[in-house]
Amino acid sequence: MGCAGAALREGKIQMGITHFDVNWLAVILATVASMALGAAWYMILSRQWMAAAGITEDDIKSGSSVTPFVWATACQLVMAYFLALLTPVIMGDTTVYNAVLIGIHMWVGFIVTSMILNHRYQGKPWSLSVIDGGYLLGVVIVQGIVLGLLG
């Protein structure tokens, strides 16, 4: 029956999901931690990312807006929320190992596959997929660590 089935047999899973029954402090801190990772990741890889994305410094300066950062924060909050919501349902408990494992599975099954699909249709280079995909893998790992530590 797999992990969820074993946890269900042991009585660890309630039937159904209580959508707002998550550790909101952990979700917010996981969002902040993954945003900090993004700041470091893209500062270190800024030249490579700009080249792969076909963006110049002038493009960035002329379009300087907080809008991408607002969207990034909102999206990462949603990612942290669903990681916090689904980890105990699938694994029976929220530990660092369980949350990171679920995050990696979500990355492989949904996040990186969707990104690669879009990048292939957009004709973007594989280097952009590697940079962005690596970052998103880091996001789910960092969020899993924070969520697991705060349970």
C-alpha atoms as a PDB file:
ATOM      1  CA  MET A   1       0.000   0.000   0.000  1.00  0.00           C
ATOM      2  CA  GLY A   2       2.989   2.361   0.208  1.00  0.00           C
ATOM      3  CA  CYS A   3       3.840   4.972   2.845  1.00  0.00           C
ATOM      4  CA  ALA A   4       0.361   6.466   3.076  1.00  0.00           C
ATOM      5  CA  GLY A   5      -1.217   3.043   3.354  1.00  0.00           C
ATOM      6  CA  ALA A   6       1.194   1.986   6.097  1.00  0.00           C
ATOM      7  CA  ALA A   7       0.572   5.205   8.009  1.00  0.00           C
ATOM      8  CA  LEU A   8      -3.182   4.728   7.610  1.00  0.00           C
ATOM      9  CA  ARG A   9      -2.956   1.185   9.014  1.00  0.00           C
ATOM     10  CA  GLU A  10      -1.070   2.578  12.006  1.00  0.00           C
ATOM     11  CA  GLY A  11      -3.798   5.162  12.574  1.00  0.00           C
ATOM     12  CA  LYS A  12      -1.569   8.144  11.872  1.00  0.00           C
ATOM     13  CA  ILE A  13      -3.650   9.699   9.113  1.00  0.00           C
ATOM     14  CA  GLN A  14      -7.057  11.238   9.528  1.00  0.00           C
ATOM     15  CA  MET A  15      -9.370  10.702   6.631  1.00  0.00           C
ATOM     16  CA  GLY A  16      -9.565  13.927   4.665  1.00  0.00           C
ATOM     17  CA  ILE A  17      -7.440  17.026   4.846  1.00  0.00           C
ATOM     18  CA  THR A  18      -8.000  19.935   7.178  1.00  0.00           C
ATOM     19  CA  HIS A  19      -6.781  22.651   4.840  1.00  0.00           C
ATOM     20  CA  PHE A  20      -5.847  25.283   7.387  1.00  0.00           C
ATOM     21  CA  ASP A  21      -4.420  22.947  10.019  1.00  0.00           C
ATOM     22  CA  VAL A  22      -0.751  23.612   9.275  1.00  0.00           C
ATOM     23  CA  ASN A  23       1.998  25.261  11.283  1.00  0.00           C
ATOM     24  CA  TRP A  24       1.678  28.732   9.762  1.00  0.00           C
ATOM     25  CA  LEU A  25       4.816  30.021  11.485  1.00  0.00           C
ATOM     26  CA  ALA A  26       6.767  27.183   9.846  1.00  0.00           C
ATOM     27  CA  VAL A  27       5.163  27.955   6.465  1.00  0.00           C
ATOM     28  CA  ILE A  28       6.114  31.636   6.712  1.00  0.00           C
ATOM     29  CA  LEU A  29       9.662  30.875   7.879  1.00  0.00           C
ATOM     30  CA  ALA A  30      10.058  28.304   5.092  1.00  0.00           C
ATOM     31  CA  THR A  31       8.976  30.978   2.601  1.00  0.00           C
ATOM     32  CA  VAL A  32      11.479  33.478   4.007  1.00  0.00           C
ATOM     33  CA  ALA A  33      14.270  30.870   3.954  1.00  0.00           C
ATOM     34  CA  SER A  34      13.582  29.901   0.337  1.00  0.00           C
ATOM     35  CA  MET A  35      13.475  33.573  -0.696  1.00  0.00           C
ATOM     36  CA  ALA A  36      16.875  34.056   0.970  1.00  0.00           C
ATOM     37  CA  LEU A  37      18.152  31.062  -0.982  1.00  0.00           C
ATOM     38  CA  GLY A  38      16.873  32.719  -4.162  1.00  0.00           C
ATOM     39  CA  ALA A  39      18.681  35.955  -3.386  1.00  0.00           C
ATOM     40  CA  ALA A  40      21.954  34.107  -2.884  1.00  0.00           C
ATOM     41  CA  TRP A  41      21.430  31.689  -5.815  1.00  0.00           C
ATOM     42  CA  TYR A  42      20.696  34.344  -8.402  1.00  0.00           C
ATOM     43  CA  MET A  43      23.349  36.765  -7.121  1.00  0.00           C
ATOM     44  CA  ILE A  44      25.954  34.026  -7.540  1.00  0.00           C
ATOM     45  CA  LEU A  45      24.592  32.925 -10.932  1.00  0.00           C
ATOM     46  CA  SER A  46      23.388  36.327 -12.173  1.00  0.00           C
ATOM     47  CA  ARG A  47      25.612  36.506 -15.267  1.00  0.00           C
ATOM     48  CA  GLN A  48      24.872  32.935 -16.301  1.00  0.00           C
ATOM     49  CA  TRP A  49      21.139  33.364 -15.663  1.00  0.00           C
ATOM     50  CA  MET A  50      20.947  36.631 -17.632  1.00  0.00           C
ATOM     51  CA  ALA A  51      22.791  35.045 -20.569  1.00  0.00           C
ATOM     52  CA  ALA A  52      20.550  31.954 -20.524  1.00  0.00           C
ATOM     53  CA  ALA A  53      17.362  34.034 -20.184  1.00  0.00           C
ATOM     54  CA  GLY A  54      18.472  36.463 -22.909  1.00  0.00           C
ATOM     55  CA  ILE A  55      18.237  39.424 -20.538  1.00  0.00           C
ATOM     56  CA  THR A  56      20.642  42.358 -20.325  1.00  0.00           C
ATOM     57  CA  GLU A  57      21.415  44.627 -17.387  1.00  0.00           C
ATOM     58  CA  ASP A  58      19.551  47.403 -19.221  1.00  0.00           C
ATOM     59  CA  ASP A  59      16.464  45.172 -19.417  1.00  0.00           C
ATOM     60  CA  ILE A  60      16.612  44.650 -15.677  1.00  0.00           C
ATOM     61  CA  LYS A  61      17.144  48.344 -14.912  1.00  0.00           C
ATOM     62  CA  SER A  62      14.361  49.502 -17.228  1.00  0.00           C
ATOM     63  CA  GLY A  63      11.895  46.991 -15.830  1.00  0.00           C
ATOM     64  CA  SER A  64      12.829  47.351 -12.190  1.00  0.00           C
ATOM     65  CA  SER A  65       9.684  46.560 -10.293  1.00  0.00           C
ATOM     66  CA  VAL A  66       8.778  44.775  -7.111  1.00  0.00           C
ATOM     67  CA  THR A  67       6.113  42.776  -8.943  1.00  0.00           C
ATOM     68  CA  PRO A  68       8.298  39.701  -9.669  1.00  0.00           C
ATOM     69  CA  PHE A  69       9.334  39.574  -6.025  1.00  0.00           C
ATOM     70  CA  VAL A  70       5.725  39.797  -4.851  1.00  0.00           C
ATOM     71  CA  TRP A  71       4.787  36.937  -7.175  1.00  0.00           C
ATOM     72  CA  ALA A  72       7.843  34.930  -6.101  1.00  0.00           C
ATOM     73  CA  THR A  73       6.903  35.355  -2.453  1.00  0.00           C
ATOM     74  CA  ALA A  74       3.281  34.391  -3.074  1.00  0.00           C
ATOM     75  CA  CYS A  75       4.254  31.321  -5.109  1.00  0.00           C
ATOM     76  CA  GLN A  76       6.784  30.153  -2.539  1.00  0.00           C
ATOM     77  CA  LEU A  77       4.245  30.661   0.243  1.00  0.00           C
ATOM     78  CA  VAL A  78       1.858  28.387  -1.682  1.00  0.00           C
ATOM     79  CA  MET A  79       4.642  25.824  -2.193  1.00  0.00           C
ATOM     80  CA  ALA A  80       5.530  25.843   1.531  1.00  0.00           C
ATOM     81  CA  TYR A  81       1.845  25.575   2.462  1.00  0.00           C
ATOM     82  CA  PHE A  82       1.258  22.524   0.269  1.00  0.00           C
ATOM     83  CA  LEU A  83       4.467  20.892   1.439  1.00  0.00           C
ATOM     84  CA  ALA A  84       3.321  21.425   5.049  1.00  0.00           C
ATOM     85  CA  LEU A  85      -0.180  20.189   4.204  1.00  0.00           C
ATOM     86  CA  LEU A  86       0.736  17.074   2.226  1.00  0.00           C
ATOM     87  CA  THR A  87       3.775  15.761   4.115  1.00  0.00           C
ATOM     88  CA  PRO A  88       1.861  14.402   7.136  1.00  0.00           C
ATOM     89  CA  VAL A  89      -0.935  13.103   4.915  1.00  0.00           C
ATOM     90  CA  ILE A  90       1.457  11.126   2.711  1.00  0.00           C
ATOM     91  CA  MET A  91       4.157  10.220   5.235  1.00  0.00           C
ATOM     92  CA  GLY A  92       2.245  10.168   8.518  1.00  0.00           C
ATOM     93  CA  ASP A  93       4.438  12.757  10.236  1.00  0.00           C
ATOM     94  CA  THR A  94       6.302  15.961   9.429  1.00  0.00           C
ATOM     95  CA  THR A  95      10.004  15.351   9.953  1.00  0.00           C
ATOM     96  CA  VAL A  96      12.943  16.864   8.091  1.00  0.00           C
ATOM     97  CA  TYR A  97      13.444  13.618   6.165  1.00  0.00           C
ATOM     98  CA  ASN A  98       9.759  13.261   5.281  1.00  0.00           C
ATOM     99  CA  ALA A  99       9.275  16.890   4.228  1.00  0.00           C
ATOM    100  CA  VAL A 100      12.453  16.939   2.121  1.00  0.00           C
ATOM    101  CA  LEU A 101      11.507  13.617   0.502  1.00  0.00           C
ATOM    102  CA  ILE A 102       8.012  14.848  -0.380  1.00  0.00           C
ATOM    103  CA  GLY A 103       9.494  18.128  -1.656  1.00  0.00           C
ATOM    104  CA  ILE A 104      11.899  16.271  -3.934  1.00  0.00           C
ATOM    105  CA  HIS A 105       9.065  14.081  -5.222  1.00  0.00           C
ATOM    106  CA  MET A 106       6.948  17.180  -5.906  1.00  0.00           C
ATOM    107  CA  TRP A 107       9.943  18.759  -7.681  1.00  0.00           C
ATOM    108  CA  VAL A 108      10.462  15.718  -9.928  1.00  0.00           C
ATOM    109  CA  GLY A 109       6.768  15.066 -10.545  1.00  0.00           C
ATOM    110  CA  PHE A 110       5.448  18.580 -11.042  1.00  0.00           C
ATOM    111  CA  ILE A 111       7.854  21.484 -10.684  1.00  0.00           C
ATOM    112  CA  VAL A 112      10.833  20.669 -12.904  1.00  0.00           C
ATOM    113  CA  THR A 113       8.760  18.771 -15.452  1.00  0.00           C
ATOM    114  CA  SER A 114       6.425  21.753 -15.943  1.00  0.00           C
ATOM    115  CA  MET A 115       9.355  24.152 -16.140  1.00  0.00           C
ATOM    116  CA  ILE A 116      11.195  22.013 -18.703  1.00  0.00           C
ATOM    117  CA  LEU A 117       8.027  21.692 -20.776  1.00  0.00           C
ATOM    118  CA  ASN A 118       7.615  25.475 -20.835  1.00  0.00           C
ATOM    119  CA  HIS A 119      11.296  26.125 -21.545  1.00  0.00           C
ATOM    120  CA  ARG A 120      11.263  23.683 -24.475  1.00  0.00           C
ATOM    121  CA  TYR A 121       8.222  25.369 -26.048  1.00  0.00           C
ATOM    122  CA  GLN A 122       9.778  28.801 -25.452  1.00  0.00           C
ATOM    123  CA  GLY A 123      13.040  27.725 -27.083  1.00  0.00           C
ATOM    124  CA  LYS A 124      15.052  28.583 -23.974  1.00  0.00           C
ATOM    125  CA  PRO A 125      18.479  26.989 -23.530  1.00  0.00           C
ATOM    126  CA  TRP A 126      18.990  24.013 -21.250  1.00  0.00           C
ATOM    127  CA  SER A 127      21.318  26.153 -19.138  1.00  0.00           C
ATOM    128  CA  LEU A 128      18.282  28.193 -18.018  1.00  0.00           C
ATOM    129  CA  SER A 129      16.450  25.011 -17.065  1.00  0.00           C
ATOM    130  CA  VAL A 130      19.458  23.834 -15.054  1.00  0.00           C
ATOM    131  CA  ILE A 131      19.804  27.174 -13.217  1.00  0.00           C
ATOM    132  CA  ASP A 132      16.100  27.637 -12.502  1.00  0.00           C
ATOM    133  CA  GLY A 133      15.477  23.942 -11.867  1.00  0.00           C
ATOM    134  CA  GLY A 134      18.408  23.755  -9.460  1.00  0.00           C
ATOM    135  CA  TYR A 135      17.047  26.718  -7.579  1.00  0.00           C
ATOM    136  CA  LEU A 136      13.567  25.208  -7.336  1.00  0.00           C
ATOM    137  CA  LEU A 137      15.068  21.958  -6.048  1.00  0.00           C
ATOM    138  CA  GLY A 138      16.866  24.033  -3.430  1.00  0.00           C
ATOM    139  CA  VAL A 139      13.553  25.707  -2.560  1.00  0.00           C
ATOM    140  CA  VAL A 140      11.749  22.463  -1.738  1.00  0.00           C
ATOM    141  CA  ILE A 141      14.762  21.139   0.173  1.00  0.00           C
ATOM    142  CA  VAL A 142      15.143  24.310   2.268  1.00  0.00           C
ATOM    143  CA  GLN A 143      11.405  24.494   2.856  1.00  0.00           C
ATOM    144  CA  GLY A 144      11.348  20.818   3.819  1.00  0.00           C
ATOM    145  CA  ILE A 145      14.140  21.361   6.325  1.00  0.00           C
ATOM    146  CA  VAL A 146      12.392  24.334   7.941  1.00  0.00           C
ATOM    147  CA  LEU A 147       9.000  22.616   7.991  1.00  0.00           C
ATOM    148  CA  GLY A 148      10.523  19.420   9.368  1.00  0.00           C
ATOM    149  CA  LEU A 149      12.423  21.220  12.113  1.00  0.00           C
ATOM    150  CA  LEU A 150       9.323  23.098  13.228  1.00  0.00           C
ATOM    151  CA  GLY A 151       7.058  20.077  12.670  1.00  0.00           C
END
